[in-house]
């Protein structure tokens, strides 16, 4: 008999804790907003991937142009702010190498971050 009382009491408690929806289309509206957020996140991921790809392309173009400029500088007699024309190519090359190394590291981190985001999903 006590088991039946427990069942009745449990049913009563469950019926009292049931919540009503605030309005009829509430669940559909919440699900629609969730789908919109997921679609927006996918657009952000796609834009990130596209941005990283463009970064690699322009990085390669910059390296090629830097190499060309480095090879052309000795052909010109450049005197700038009292710097000897023989020292100018060396300064440009050192700056170019520093630029390449720093940006290569950033691009690698961005690419790795993109792959981690893709794997997680």
Protein backbone atom coordinates (compact mmCIF):
# COMPACT_ATOMS: atom_id res chain seq x y z
CA UNK A 1 0.00 0.00 0.00
CA UNK A 2 2.81 2.39 0.77
CA UNK A 3 4.22 1.80 -2.70
CA UNK A 4 0.95 2.99 -4.26
CA UNK A 5 1.01 6.07 -2.01
CA UNK A 6 4.56 6.79 -3.09
CA UNK A 7 3.53 6.45 -6.74
CA UNK A 8 0.60 8.84 -6.25
CA UNK A 9 2.77 11.30 -4.37
CA UNK A 10 5.46 11.08 -7.07
CA UNK A 11 2.87 11.65 -9.85
CA UNK A 12 1.45 14.60 -7.94
CA UNK A 13 4.90 16.15 -7.47
CA UNK A 14 5.73 15.66 -11.15
CA UNK A 15 2.44 17.18 -12.29
CA UNK A 16 3.02 20.23 -10.10
CA UNK A 17 6.56 20.81 -11.36
CA UNK A 18 5.54 20.79 -14.99
CA UNK A 19 6.08 24.20 -16.55
CA UNK A 20 4.01 25.78 -19.22
CA UNK A 21 5.55 27.49 -22.22
CA UNK A 22 5.32 31.29 -22.08
CA UNK A 23 3.57 31.37 -25.45
CA UNK A 24 2.79 28.81 -28.15
CA UNK A 25 5.72 29.43 -30.56
CA UNK A 26 8.38 29.79 -27.86
CA UNK A 27 10.14 26.47 -28.49
CA UNK A 28 10.18 26.98 -32.25
CA UNK A 29 11.56 30.49 -31.85
CA UNK A 30 14.33 29.33 -29.50
CA UNK A 31 15.32 26.54 -31.89
CA UNK A 32 15.34 29.00 -34.81
CA UNK A 33 17.68 31.34 -32.90
CA UNK A 34 20.01 28.44 -32.08
CA UNK A 35 20.14 27.48 -35.76
CA UNK A 36 20.87 31.10 -36.74
CA UNK A 37 23.75 31.23 -34.25
CA UNK A 38 25.20 27.97 -35.57
CA UNK A 39 24.94 29.26 -39.16
CA UNK A 40 26.67 32.50 -38.13
CA UNK A 41 29.49 30.58 -36.45
CA UNK A 42 30.01 28.55 -39.62
CA UNK A 43 30.26 31.78 -41.65
CA UNK A 44 32.86 33.09 -39.19
CA UNK A 45 34.87 29.86 -39.50
CA UNK A 46 34.70 30.03 -43.29
CA UNK A 47 35.83 33.67 -43.25
CA UNK A 48 38.71 32.79 -40.93
CA UNK A 49 39.86 30.00 -43.23
CA UNK A 50 39.62 32.28 -46.26
CA UNK A 51 41.56 35.01 -44.45
CA UNK A 52 44.35 32.62 -43.50
CA UNK A 53 44.56 31.35 -47.09
CA UNK A 54 44.84 34.93 -48.41
CA UNK A 55 47.48 35.65 -45.78
CA UNK A 56 49.60 32.77 -47.02
CA UNK A 57 49.23 33.92 -50.65
CA UNK A 58 50.25 37.49 -49.87
CA UNK A 59 53.05 36.27 -47.61
CA UNK A 60 54.48 34.29 -50.53
CA UNK A 61 54.10 37.31 -52.83
CA UNK A 62 55.89 39.46 -50.23
CA UNK A 63 58.76 36.99 -49.99
CA UNK A 64 59.17 36.94 -53.77
CA UNK A 65 59.11 40.75 -53.96
CA UNK A 66 61.53 41.00 -51.05
CA UNK A 67 63.97 38.67 -52.76
CA UNK A 68 63.68 40.65 -56.00
CA UNK A 69 64.25 43.97 -54.23
CA UNK A 70 67.18 42.51 -52.31
CA UNK A 71 68.81 41.39 -55.56
CA UNK A 72 68.14 44.76 -57.30
CA UNK A 73 69.36 47.08 -54.51
CA UNK A 74 73.11 46.61 -55.21
CA UNK A 75 72.58 47.79 -58.81
CA UNK A 76 71.48 51.24 -57.61
CA UNK A 77 73.74 53.76 -55.95
CA UNK A 78 71.60 54.64 -52.96
CA UNK A 79 72.78 57.07 -50.35
CA UNK A 80 70.20 57.55 -47.63
CA UNK A 81 70.68 59.56 -44.42
CA UNK A 82 74.42 59.20 -44.57
CA UNK A 83 74.33 55.39 -44.81
CA UNK A 84 76.92 53.97 -47.18
CA UNK A 85 75.37 52.42 -50.29
CA UNK A 86 77.18 49.16 -49.55
CA UNK A 87 75.57 48.95 -46.11
CA UNK A 88 72.04 49.63 -47.31
CA UNK A 89 71.44 46.15 -48.87
CA UNK A 90 72.71 44.49 -45.69
CA UNK A 91 70.27 46.52 -43.54
CA UNK A 92 67.42 45.74 -45.92
CA UNK A 93 68.23 42.03 -45.87
CA UNK A 94 68.37 41.93 -42.07
CA UNK A 95 65.01 43.72 -41.84
CA UNK A 96 63.54 41.42 -44.47
CA UNK A 97 64.66 38.26 -42.66
CA UNK A 98 63.27 39.58 -39.37
CA UNK A 99 59.97 40.44 -41.07
CA UNK A 100 59.71 37.00 -42.70
CA UNK A 101 60.46 35.08 -39.51
CA UNK A 102 58.00 37.04 -37.37
CA UNK A 103 55.17 36.83 -39.85
CA UNK A 104 55.83 33.19 -40.64
CA UNK A 105 55.41 32.36 -36.96
CA UNK A 106 52.15 34.31 -36.78
CA UNK A 107 50.81 32.61 -39.88
CA UNK A 108 51.73 29.19 -38.52
CA UNK A 109 49.88 29.95 -35.27
CA UNK A 110 46.84 31.19 -37.17
CA UNK A 111 46.84 28.11 -39.38
CA UNK A 112 47.24 25.78 -36.39
CA UNK A 113 44.41 27.56 -34.57
CA UNK A 114 42.20 27.15 -37.64
CA UNK A 115 42.92 23.42 -37.82
CA UNK A 116 42.16 23.00 -34.12
CA UNK A 117 38.82 24.76 -34.55
CA UNK A 118 37.97 22.56 -37.53
CA UNK A 119 38.86 19.36 -35.68
CA UNK A 120 36.79 20.29 -32.65
CA UNK A 121 33.65 20.55 -34.78
